[in-house]
Amino acid sequence: MAKKSSVEKNEKRRKMAKKFAARRARLKAITKNQALSMEERFAAQLKLAVLPRNSAPNRIRNRCELTGRPRAYYRKMKMSRMALRELGNKGLIPGLVKSSW
């Protein structure tokens, strides 16, 4: 089980990224627009730098929904390999069968 503070910090990042997504996208579009003057693009870049660091979506860490484990994460299931195996062995995930040969 991951530390509760790590999981909460990640949730806070998710909320901030969602809150600032539109503003961040608008400023990024301005910075990449070659038709605008260099001063306008630079001003947009400065405004982008003023936004909170945790509002950037690349700071969000994928974590297991059950345990909070940050590694060995399956995106489709939103859980770690160990939680997936545990639930699969109990038969709680439909369509998942333990392979043996």
PDB file of N, CA and C in Angstrom:
ATOM      1  N   MET A   1       0.841  -1.180   0.000  1.00  0.00           N
ATOM      2  CA  MET A   1       0.000   0.000   0.000  1.00  0.00           C
ATOM      3  C   MET A   1       0.884   1.241   0.000  1.00  0.00           C
ATOM      4  N   ALA A   2       0.591   2.151  -0.879  1.00  0.00           N
ATOM      5  CA  ALA A   2       1.359   3.393  -0.975  1.00  0.00           C
ATOM      6  C   ALA A   2       0.996   4.326   0.172  1.00  0.00           C
ATOM      7  N   LYS A   3       1.892   5.278   0.422  1.00  0.00           N
ATOM      8  CA  LYS A   3       1.599   6.257   1.460  1.00  0.00           C
ATOM      9  C   LYS A   3       0.379   7.076   1.046  1.00  0.00           C
ATOM     10  N   LYS A   4      -0.431   7.366   2.028  1.00  0.00           N
ATOM     11  CA  LYS A   4      -1.659   8.116   1.748  1.00  0.00           C
ATOM     12  C   LYS A   4      -1.345   9.505   1.215  1.00  0.00           C
ATOM     13  N   SER A   5      -0.250  10.089   1.693  1.00  0.00           N
ATOM     14  CA  SER A   5       0.118  11.428   1.237  1.00  0.00           C
ATOM     15  C   SER A   5       0.459  11.434  -0.253  1.00  0.00           C
ATOM     16  N   SER A   6       1.105  10.368  -0.731  1.00  0.00           N
ATOM     17  CA  SER A   6       1.452  10.283  -2.152  1.00  0.00           C
ATOM     18  C   SER A   6       0.209  10.184  -3.021  1.00  0.00           C
ATOM     19  N   VAL A   7      -0.733   9.390  -2.564  1.00  0.00           N
ATOM     20  CA  VAL A   7      -1.975   9.219  -3.320  1.00  0.00           C
ATOM     21  C   VAL A   7      -2.764  10.526  -3.332  1.00  0.00           C
ATOM     22  N   GLU A   8      -2.833  11.198  -2.182  1.00  0.00           N
ATOM     23  CA  GLU A   8      -3.561  12.469  -2.099  1.00  0.00           C
ATOM     24  C   GLU A   8      -2.898  13.557  -2.941  1.00  0.00           C
ATOM     25  N   LYS A   9      -1.575  13.576  -2.937  1.00  0.00           N
ATOM     26  CA  LYS A   9      -0.834  14.552  -3.736  1.00  0.00           C
ATOM     27  C   LYS A   9      -1.140  14.360  -5.223  1.00  0.00           C
ATOM     28  N   ASN A  10      -1.217  13.104  -5.631  1.00  0.00           N
ATOM     29  CA  ASN A  10      -1.518  12.799  -7.023  1.00  0.00           C
ATOM     30  C   ASN A  10      -2.945  13.222  -7.381  1.00  0.00           C
ATOM     31  N   GLU A  11      -3.877  13.016  -6.470  1.00  0.00           N
ATOM     32  CA  GLU A  11      -5.262  13.438  -6.710  1.00  0.00           C
ATOM     33  C   GLU A  11      -5.354  14.962  -6.818  1.00  0.00           C
ATOM     34  N   LYS A  12      -4.583  15.650  -5.995  1.00  0.00           N
ATOM     35  CA  LYS A  12      -4.554  17.113  -6.056  1.00  0.00           C
ATOM     36  C   LYS A  12      -4.030  17.569  -7.421  1.00  0.00           C
ATOM     37  N   ARG A  13      -3.024  16.869  -7.929  1.00  0.00           N
ATOM     38  CA  ARG A  13      -2.477  17.188  -9.247  1.00  0.00           C
ATOM     39  C   ARG A  13      -3.515  16.965 -10.338  1.00  0.00           C
ATOM     40  N   ARG A  14      -4.284  15.884 -10.214  1.00  0.00           N
ATOM     41  CA  ARG A  14      -5.331  15.605 -11.208  1.00  0.00           C
ATOM     42  C   ARG A  14      -6.362  16.735 -11.240  1.00  0.00           C
ATOM     43  N   LYS A  15      -6.776  17.190 -10.060  1.00  0.00           N
ATOM     44  CA  LYS A  15      -7.767  18.265  -9.980  1.00  0.00           C
ATOM     45  C   LYS A  15      -7.217  19.560 -10.562  1.00  0.00           C
ATOM     46  N   MET A  16      -5.960  19.873 -10.255  1.00  0.00           N
ATOM     47  CA  MET A  16      -5.365  21.113 -10.764  1.00  0.00           C
ATOM     48  C   MET A  16      -5.198  21.058 -12.277  1.00  0.00           C
ATOM     49  N   ALA A  17      -4.801  19.900 -12.788  1.00  0.00           N
ATOM     50  CA  ALA A  17      -4.623  19.755 -14.237  1.00  0.00           C
ATOM     51  C   ALA A  17      -5.958  19.954 -14.954  1.00  0.00           C
ATOM     52  N   LYS A  18      -7.017  19.431 -14.363  1.00  0.00           N
ATOM     53  CA  LYS A  18      -8.343  19.586 -14.966  1.00  0.00           C
ATOM     54  C   LYS A  18      -8.799  21.041 -14.898  1.00  0.00           C
ATOM     55  N   LYS A  19      -8.513  21.699 -13.777  1.00  0.00           N
ATOM     56  CA  LYS A  19      -8.932  23.077 -13.576  1.00  0.00           C
ATOM     57  C   LYS A  19      -8.240  24.034 -14.545  1.00  0.00           C
ATOM     58  N   PHE A  20      -6.941  23.840 -14.778  1.00  0.00           N
ATOM     59  CA  PHE A  20      -6.161  24.751 -15.610  1.00  0.00           C
ATOM     60  C   PHE A  20      -6.000  24.276 -17.054  1.00  0.00           C
ATOM     61  N   ALA A  21      -6.662  23.198 -17.440  1.00  0.00           N
ATOM     62  CA  ALA A  21      -6.465  22.611 -18.769  1.00  0.00           C
ATOM     63  C   ALA A  21      -6.795  23.594 -19.894  1.00  0.00           C
ATOM     64  N   ALA A  22      -7.924  24.276 -19.798  1.00  0.00           N
ATOM     65  CA  ALA A  22      -8.343  25.185 -20.870  1.00  0.00           C
ATOM     66  C   ALA A  22      -7.383  26.370 -20.987  1.00  0.00           C
ATOM     67  N   ARG A  23      -7.024  26.951 -19.862  1.00  0.00           N
ATOM     68  CA  ARG A  23      -6.107  28.102 -19.871  1.00  0.00           C
ATOM     69  C   ARG A  23      -4.734  27.703 -20.420  1.00  0.00           C
ATOM     70  N   ARG A  24      -4.268  26.544 -19.985  1.00  0.00           N
ATOM     71  CA  ARG A  24      -2.970  26.052 -20.427  1.00  0.00           C
ATOM     72  C   ARG A  24      -2.971  25.770 -21.937  1.00  0.00           C
ATOM     73  N   ALA A  25      -4.046  25.182 -22.433  1.00  0.00           N
ATOM     74  CA  ALA A  25      -4.160  24.874 -23.862  1.00  0.00           C
ATOM     75  C   ALA A  25      -4.191  26.157 -24.694  1.00  0.00           C
ATOM     76  N   ARG A  26      -4.925  27.157 -24.202  1.00  0.00           N
ATOM     77  CA  ARG A  26      -5.016  28.431 -24.930  1.00  0.00           C
ATOM     78  C   ARG A  26      -3.643  29.099 -25.015  1.00  0.00           C
ATOM     79  N   LEU A  27      -2.925  29.132 -23.891  1.00  0.00           N
ATOM     80  CA  LEU A  27      -1.598  29.762 -23.887  1.00  0.00           C
ATOM     81  C   LEU A  27      -0.599  28.986 -24.749  1.00  0.00           C
ATOM     82  N   LYS A  28      -0.689  27.670 -24.732  1.00  0.00           N
ATOM     83  CA  LYS A  28       0.210  26.863 -25.566  1.00  0.00           C
ATOM     84  C   LYS A  28      -0.054  27.097 -27.048  1.00  0.00           C
ATOM     85  N   ALA A  29      -1.338  27.265 -27.400  1.00  0.00           N
ATOM     86  CA  ALA A  29      -1.681  27.535 -28.794  1.00  0.00           C
ATOM     87  C   ALA A  29      -1.101  28.878 -29.238  1.00  0.00           C
ATOM     88  N   ILE A  30      -1.123  29.860 -28.354  1.00  0.00           N
ATOM     89  CA  ILE A  30      -0.556  31.171 -28.680  1.00  0.00           C
ATOM     90  C   ILE A  30       0.949  31.075 -28.870  1.00  0.00           C
ATOM     91  N   THR A  31       1.616  30.325 -28.002  1.00  0.00           N
ATOM     92  CA  THR A  31       3.084  30.220 -28.105  1.00  0.00           C
ATOM     93  C   THR A  31       3.527  29.506 -29.373  1.00  0.00           C
ATOM     94  N   LYS A  32       2.690  28.598 -29.881  1.00  0.00           N
ATOM     95  CA  LYS A  32       3.073  27.845 -31.086  1.00  0.00           C
ATOM     96  C   LYS A  32       2.618  28.504 -32.384  1.00  0.00           C
ATOM     97  N   ASN A  33       1.820  29.559 -32.296  1.00  0.00           N
ATOM     98  CA  ASN A  33       1.302  30.235 -33.472  1.00  0.00           C
ATOM     99  C   ASN A  33       2.390  31.130 -34.079  1.00  0.00           C
ATOM    100  N   GLN A  34       2.902  30.739 -35.217  1.00  0.00           N
ATOM    101  CA  GLN A  34       3.982  31.476 -35.886  1.00  0.00           C
ATOM    102  C   GLN A  34       3.497  32.793 -36.508  1.00  0.00           C
ATOM    103  N   ALA A  35       2.190  32.932 -36.695  1.00  0.00           N
ATOM    104  CA  ALA A  35       1.643  34.142 -37.304  1.00  0.00           C
ATOM    105  C   ALA A  35       1.705  35.335 -36.342  1.00  0.00           C
ATOM    106  N   LEU A  36       1.735  35.071 -35.060  1.00  0.00           N
ATOM    107  CA  LEU A  36       1.785  36.153 -34.068  1.00  0.00           C
ATOM    108  C   LEU A  36       3.204  36.690 -33.932  1.00  0.00           C
ATOM    109  N   SER A  37       3.299  37.865 -33.362  1.00  0.00           N
ATOM    110  CA  SER A  37       4.626  38.469 -33.174  1.00  0.00           C
ATOM    111  C   SER A  37       5.376  37.752 -32.046  1.00  0.00           C
ATOM    112  N   MET A  38       6.675  37.936 -32.050  1.00  0.00           N
ATOM    113  CA  MET A  38       7.527  37.291 -31.059  1.00  0.00           C
ATOM    114  C   MET A  38       7.196  37.776 -29.635  1.00  0.00           C
ATOM    115  N   GLU A  39       6.834  39.053 -29.506  1.00  0.00           N
ATOM    116  CA  GLU A  39       6.523  39.609 -28.186  1.00  0.00           C
ATOM    117  C   GLU A  39       5.255  38.973 -27.602  1.00  0.00           C
ATOM    118  N   GLU A  40       4.230  38.797 -28.449  1.00  0.00           N
ATOM    119  CA  GLU A  40       2.991  38.184 -27.992  1.00  0.00           C
ATOM    120  C   GLU A  40       3.226  36.739 -27.556  1.00  0.00           C
ATOM    121  N   ARG A  41       4.009  36.019 -28.352  1.00  0.00           N
ATOM    122  CA  ARG A  41       4.299  34.623 -28.019  1.00  0.00           C
ATOM    123  C   ARG A  41       5.113  34.528 -26.741  1.00  0.00           C
ATOM    124  N   PHE A  42       6.046  35.426 -26.558  1.00  0.00           N
ATOM    125  CA  PHE A  42       6.877  35.421 -25.351  1.00  0.00           C
ATOM    126  C   PHE A  42       6.039  35.778 -24.122  1.00  0.00           C
ATOM    127  N   ALA A  43       5.111  36.713 -24.276  1.00  0.00           N
ATOM    128  CA  ALA A  43       4.224  37.084 -23.168  1.00  0.00           C
ATOM    129  C   ALA A  43       3.354  35.888 -22.757  1.00  0.00           C
ATOM    130  N   ALA A  44       2.871  35.145 -23.742  1.00  0.00           N
ATOM    131  CA  ALA A  44       2.080  33.948 -23.442  1.00  0.00           C
ATOM    132  C   ALA A  44       2.929  32.897 -22.742  1.00  0.00           C
ATOM    133  N   GLN A  45       4.184  32.798 -23.151  1.00  0.00           N
ATOM    134  CA  GLN A  45       5.106  31.846 -22.509  1.00  0.00           C
ATOM    135  C   GLN A  45       5.338  32.221 -21.043  1.00  0.00           C
ATOM    136  N   LEU A  46       5.452  33.518 -20.770  1.00  0.00           N
ATOM    137  CA  LEU A  46       5.633  33.971 -19.386  1.00  0.00           C
ATOM    138  C   LEU A  46       4.387  33.697 -18.540  1.00  0.00           C
ATOM    139  N   LYS A  47       3.205  33.896 -19.130  1.00  0.00           N
ATOM    140  CA  LYS A  47       1.963  33.602 -18.412  1.00  0.00           C
ATOM    141  C   LYS A  47       1.844  32.107 -18.130  1.00  0.00           C
ATOM    142  N   LEU A  48       2.314  31.309 -19.069  1.00  0.00           N
ATOM    143  CA  LEU A  48       2.299  29.858 -18.898  1.00  0.00           C
ATOM    144  C   LEU A  48       3.225  29.435 -17.761  1.00  0.00           C
ATOM    145  N   ALA A  49       4.342  30.114 -17.640  1.00  0.00           N
ATOM    146  CA  ALA A  49       5.301  29.792 -16.583  1.00  0.00           C
ATOM    147  C   ALA A  49       4.792  30.186 -15.200  1.00  0.00           C
ATOM    148  N   VAL A  50       3.861  31.145 -15.154  1.00  0.00           N
ATOM    149  CA  VAL A  50       3.326  31.600 -13.868  1.00  0.00           C
ATOM    150  C   VAL A  50       2.296  30.610 -13.311  1.00  0.00           C
ATOM    151  N   LEU A  51       1.687  29.810 -14.184  1.00  0.00           N
ATOM    152  CA  LEU A  51       0.692  28.837 -13.722  1.00  0.00           C
ATOM    153  C   LEU A  51       1.334  27.867 -12.732  1.00  0.00           C
ATOM    154  N   PRO A  52       0.532  27.296 -11.828  1.00  0.00           N
ATOM    155  CA  PRO A  52       1.090  26.359 -10.848  1.00  0.00           C
ATOM    156  C   PRO A  52       1.756  25.161 -11.519  1.00  0.00           C
ATOM    157  N   ARG A  53       2.857  24.740 -10.951  1.00  0.00           N
ATOM    158  CA  ARG A  53       3.627  23.630 -11.510  1.00  0.00           C
ATOM    159  C   ARG A  53       2.812  22.346 -11.551  1.00  0.00           C
ATOM    160  N   ASN A  54       2.012  22.113 -10.520  1.00  0.00           N
ATOM    161  CA  ASN A  54       1.232  20.877 -10.454  1.00  0.00           C
ATOM    162  C   ASN A  54       0.012  20.878 -11.372  1.00  0.00           C
ATOM    163  N   SER A  55      -0.194  21.949 -12.114  1.00  0.00           N
ATOM    164  CA  SER A  55      -1.309  21.956 -13.053  1.00  0.00           C
ATOM    165  C   SER A  55      -0.906  21.363 -14.407  1.00  0.00           C
ATOM    166  N   ALA A  56       0.356  21.000 -14.552  1.00  0.00           N
ATOM    167  CA  ALA A  56       0.815  20.370 -15.793  1.00  0.00           C
ATOM    168  C   ALA A  56       0.424  18.894 -15.793  1.00  0.00           C
ATOM    169  N   PRO A  57      -0.196  18.406 -16.867  1.00  0.00           N
ATOM    170  CA  PRO A  57      -0.662  17.018 -16.880  1.00  0.00           C
ATOM    171  C   PRO A  57       0.459  15.988 -16.845  1.00  0.00           C
ATOM    172  N   ASN A  58       1.671  16.352 -17.246  1.00  0.00           N
ATOM    173  CA  ASN A  58       2.738  15.363 -17.230  1.00  0.00           C
ATOM    174  C   ASN A  58       3.285  15.107 -15.827  1.00  0.00           C
ATOM    175  N   ARG A  59       2.821  15.835 -14.832  1.00  0.00           N
ATOM    176  CA  ARG A  59       3.234  15.589 -13.444  1.00  0.00           C
ATOM    177  C   ARG A  59       2.341  14.567 -12.745  1.00  0.00           C
ATOM    178  N   ILE A  60       1.265  14.170 -13.412  1.00  0.00           N
ATOM    179  CA  ILE A  60       0.361  13.172 -12.841  1.00  0.00           C
ATOM    180  C   ILE A  60       0.996  11.796 -13.007  1.00  0.00           C
ATOM    181  N   ARG A  61       0.992  11.038 -11.923  1.00  0.00           N
ATOM    182  CA  ARG A  61       1.566   9.696 -11.934  1.00  0.00           C
ATOM    183  C   ARG A  61       0.424   8.685 -11.944  1.00  0.00           C
ATOM    184  N   ASN A  62       0.490   7.726 -12.872  1.00  0.00           N
ATOM    185  CA  ASN A  62      -0.525   6.676 -12.896  1.00  0.00           C
ATOM    186  C   ASN A  62      -0.340   5.784 -11.676  1.00  0.00           C
ATOM    187  N   ARG A  63      -1.399   5.621 -10.908  1.00  0.00           N
ATOM    188  CA  ARG A  63      -1.337   4.795  -9.702  1.00  0.00           C
ATOM    189  C   ARG A  63      -2.492   3.802  -9.684  1.00  0.00           C
ATOM    190  N   CYS A  64      -2.260   2.675  -9.036  1.00  0.00           N
ATOM    191  CA  CYS A  64      -3.281   1.643  -8.878  1.00  0.00           C
ATOM    192  C   CYS A  64      -4.449   2.206  -8.071  1.00  0.00           C
ATOM    193  N   GLU A  65      -5.657   1.937  -8.528  1.00  0.00           N
ATOM    194  CA  GLU A  65      -6.852   2.432  -7.841  1.00  0.00           C
ATOM    195  C   GLU A  65      -7.041   1.762  -6.485  1.00  0.00           C
ATOM    196  N   LEU A  66      -6.580   0.523  -6.347  1.00  0.00           N
ATOM    197  CA  LEU A  66      -6.788  -0.217  -5.104  1.00  0.00           C
ATOM    198  C   LEU A  66      -5.682   0.030  -4.087  1.00  0.00           C
ATOM    199  N   THR A  67      -4.431  -0.066  -4.538  1.00  0.00           N
ATOM    200  CA  THR A  67      -3.313  -0.013  -3.603  1.00  0.00           C
ATOM    201  C   THR A  67      -2.532   1.294  -3.648  1.00  0.00           C
ATOM    202  N   GLY A  68      -2.627   2.024  -4.741  1.00  0.00           N
ATOM    203  CA  GLY A  68      -1.864   3.257  -4.887  1.00  0.00           C
ATOM    204  C   GLY A  68      -0.456   3.031  -5.408  1.00  0.00           C
ATOM    205  N   ARG A  69      -0.129   1.792  -5.767  1.00  0.00           N
ATOM    206  CA  ARG A  69       1.205   1.460  -6.259  1.00  0.00           C
ATOM    207  C   ARG A  69       1.482   2.196  -7.568  1.00  0.00           C
ATOM    208  N   PRO A  70       2.657   2.871  -7.689  1.00  0.00           N
ATOM    209  CA  PRO A  70       2.937   3.660  -8.882  1.00  0.00           C
ATOM    210  C   PRO A  70       3.572   2.872 -10.032  1.00  0.00           C
ATOM    211  N   ARG A  71       4.084   1.699  -9.767  1.00  0.00           N
ATOM    212  CA  ARG A  71       4.773   0.943 -10.825  1.00  0.00           C
ATOM    213  C   ARG A  71       3.959  -0.272 -11.239  1.00  0.00           C
ATOM    214  N   ALA A  72       4.314  -0.819 -12.393  1.00  0.00           N
ATOM    215  CA  ALA A  72       3.637  -2.001 -12.948  1.00  0.00           C
ATOM    216  C   ALA A  72       2.136  -1.737 -13.060  1.00  0.00           C
ATOM    217  N   TYR A  73       1.787  -0.625 -13.694  1.00  0.00           N
ATOM    218  CA  TYR A  73       0.410  -0.151 -13.803  1.00  0.00           C
ATOM    219  C   TYR A  73      -0.150  -0.522 -15.166  1.00  0.00           C
ATOM    220  N   TYR A  74      -1.316  -1.164 -15.176  1.00  0.00           N
ATOM    221  CA  TYR A  74      -2.012  -1.477 -16.420  1.00  0.00           C
ATOM    222  C   TYR A  74      -3.064  -0.396 -16.653  1.00  0.00           C
ATOM    223  N   ARG A  75      -2.910   0.358 -17.721  1.00  0.00           N
ATOM    224  CA  ARG A  75      -3.809   1.482 -17.981  1.00  0.00           C
ATOM    225  C   ARG A  75      -5.241   1.031 -18.220  1.00  0.00           C
ATOM    226  N   LYS A  76      -5.398  -0.065 -18.932  1.00  0.00           N
ATOM    227  CA  LYS A  76      -6.738  -0.532 -19.277  1.00  0.00           C
ATOM    228  C   LYS A  76      -7.543  -0.897 -18.027  1.00  0.00           C
ATOM    229  N   MET A  77      -6.880  -1.480 -17.055  1.00  0.00           N
ATOM    230  CA  MET A  77      -7.550  -1.919 -15.832  1.00  0.00           C
ATOM    231  C   MET A  77      -7.460  -0.888 -14.705  1.00  0.00           C
ATOM    232  N   LYS A  78      -6.552   0.076 -14.845  1.00  0.00           N
ATOM    233  CA  LYS A  78      -6.291   1.096 -13.830  1.00  0.00           C
ATOM    234  C   LYS A  78      -5.847   0.480 -12.508  1.00  0.00           C
ATOM    235  N   MET A  79      -5.025  -0.574 -12.596  1.00  0.00           N
ATOM    236  CA  MET A  79      -4.503  -1.191 -11.381  1.00  0.00           C
ATOM    237  C   MET A  79      -3.141  -1.814 -11.641  1.00  0.00           C
ATOM    238  N   SER A  80      -2.448  -2.122 -10.568  1.00  0.00           N
ATOM    239  CA  SER A  80      -1.110  -2.691 -10.683  1.00  0.00           C
ATOM    240  C   SER A  80      -1.201  -4.185 -10.991  1.00  0.00           C
ATOM    241  N   ARG A  81      -0.077  -4.753 -11.345  1.00  0.00           N
ATOM    242  CA  ARG A  81      -0.043  -6.170 -11.723  1.00  0.00           C
ATOM    243  C   ARG A  81      -0.407  -7.066 -10.551  1.00  0.00           C
ATOM    244  N   MET A  82      -0.003  -6.675  -9.348  1.00  0.00           N
ATOM    245  CA  MET A  82      -0.284  -7.519  -8.181  1.00  0.00           C
ATOM    246  C   MET A  82      -1.766  -7.500  -7.819  1.00  0.00           C
ATOM    247  N   ALA A  83      -2.386  -6.324  -7.881  1.00  0.00           N
ATOM    248  CA  ALA A  83      -3.814  -6.228  -7.595  1.00  0.00           C
ATOM    249  C   ALA A  83      -4.608  -6.959  -8.679  1.00  0.00           C
ATOM    250  N   LEU A  84      -4.149  -6.849  -9.923  1.00  0.00           N
ATOM    251  CA  LEU A  84      -4.815  -7.528 -11.034  1.00  0.00           C
ATOM    252  C   LEU A  84      -4.755  -9.038 -10.846  1.00  0.00           C
ATOM    253  N   ARG A  85      -3.606  -9.541 -10.460  1.00  0.00           N
ATOM    254  CA  ARG A  85      -3.433 -10.983 -10.266  1.00  0.00           C
ATOM    255  C   ARG A  85      -4.291 -11.483  -9.097  1.00  0.00           C
ATOM    256  N   GLU A  86      -4.300 -10.710  -8.034  1.00  0.00           N
ATOM    257  CA  GLU A  86      -5.083 -11.090  -6.853  1.00  0.00           C
ATOM    258  C   GLU A  86      -6.571 -11.185  -7.186  1.00  0.00           C
ATOM    259  N   LEU A  87      -7.097 -10.165  -7.871  1.00  0.00           N
ATOM    260  CA  LEU A  87      -8.516 -10.182  -8.238  1.00  0.00           C
ATOM    261  C   LEU A  87      -8.808 -11.240  -9.298  1.00  0.00           C
ATOM    262  N   GLY A  88      -7.835 -11.460 -10.196  1.00  0.00           N
ATOM    263  CA  GLY A  88      -8.007 -12.483 -11.224  1.00  0.00           C
ATOM    264  C   GLY A  88      -8.070 -13.879 -10.630  1.00  0.00           C
ATOM    265  N   ASN A  89      -7.247 -14.145  -9.630  1.00  0.00           N
ATOM    266  CA  ASN A  89      -7.264 -15.452  -8.973  1.00  0.00           C
ATOM    267  C   ASN A  89      -8.564 -15.695  -8.215  1.00  0.00           C
ATOM    268  N   LYS A  90      -9.148 -14.620  -7.700  1.00  0.00           N
ATOM    269  CA  LYS A  90     -10.422 -14.751  -6.993  1.00  0.00           C
ATOM    270  C   LYS A  90     -11.603 -14.831  -7.955  1.00  0.00           C
ATOM    271  N   GLY A  91     -11.338 -14.568  -9.244  1.00  0.00           N
ATOM    272  CA  GLY A  91     -12.399 -14.629 -10.243  1.00  0.00           C
ATOM    273  C   GLY A  91     -13.272 -13.395 -10.283  1.00  0.00           C
ATOM    274  N   LEU A  92     -12.732 -12.255  -9.838  1.00  0.00           N
ATOM    275  CA  LEU A  92     -13.518 -11.031  -9.779  1.00  0.00           C
ATOM    276  C   LEU A  92     -13.402 -10.181 -11.044  1.00  0.00           C
ATOM    277  N   ILE A  93     -12.494 -10.544 -11.962  1.00  0.00           N
ATOM    278  CA  ILE A  93     -12.351  -9.804 -13.209  1.00  0.00           C
ATOM    279  C   ILE A  93     -12.869 -10.675 -14.347  1.00  0.00           C
ATOM    280  N   PRO A  94     -13.967 -10.279 -14.979  1.00  0.00           N
ATOM    281  CA  PRO A  94     -14.538 -11.111 -16.039  1.00  0.00           C
ATOM    282  C   PRO A  94     -13.616 -11.209 -17.252  1.00  0.00           C
ATOM    283  N   GLY A  95     -13.512 -12.406 -17.773  1.00  0.00           N
ATOM    284  CA  GLY A  95     -12.698 -12.629 -18.967  1.00  0.00           C
ATOM    285  C   GLY A  95     -11.236 -12.886 -18.697  1.00  0.00           C
ATOM    286  N   LEU A  96     -10.809 -12.766 -17.459  1.00  0.00           N
ATOM    287  CA  LEU A  96      -9.396 -12.969 -17.123  1.00  0.00           C
ATOM    288  C   LEU A  96      -9.225 -14.375 -16.554  1.00  0.00           C
ATOM    289  N   VAL A  97      -8.386 -15.169 -17.208  1.00  0.00           N
ATOM    290  CA  VAL A  97      -8.119 -16.522 -16.730  1.00  0.00           C
ATOM    291  C   VAL A  97      -6.618 -16.692 -16.520  1.00  0.00           C
ATOM    292  N   LYS A  98      -6.266 -17.369 -15.474  1.00  0.00           N
ATOM    293  CA  LYS A  98      -4.865 -17.632 -15.187  1.00  0.00           C
ATOM    294  C   LYS A  98      -4.376 -18.666 -16.178  1.00  0.00           C
ATOM    295  N   SER A  99      -3.266 -18.362 -16.827  1.00  0.00           N
ATOM    296  CA  SER A  99      -2.776 -19.293 -17.830  1.00  0.00           C
ATOM    297  C   SER A  99      -1.871 -20.330 -17.172  1.00  0.00           C
ATOM    298  N   SER A 100      -1.899 -21.529 -17.693  1.00  0.00           N
ATOM    299  CA  SER A 100      -0.988 -22.574 -17.223  1.00  0.00           C
ATOM    300  C   SER A 100      -0.718 -23.503 -18.398  1.00  0.00           C
ATOM    301  N   TRP A 101       0.475 -24.032 -18.449  1.00  0.00           N
ATOM    302  CA  TRP A 101       0.816 -24.952 -19.535  1.00  0.00           C
ATOM    303  C   TRP A 101       1.771 -26.001 -19.058  1.00  0.00           C
TER     304      TRP A 101
END
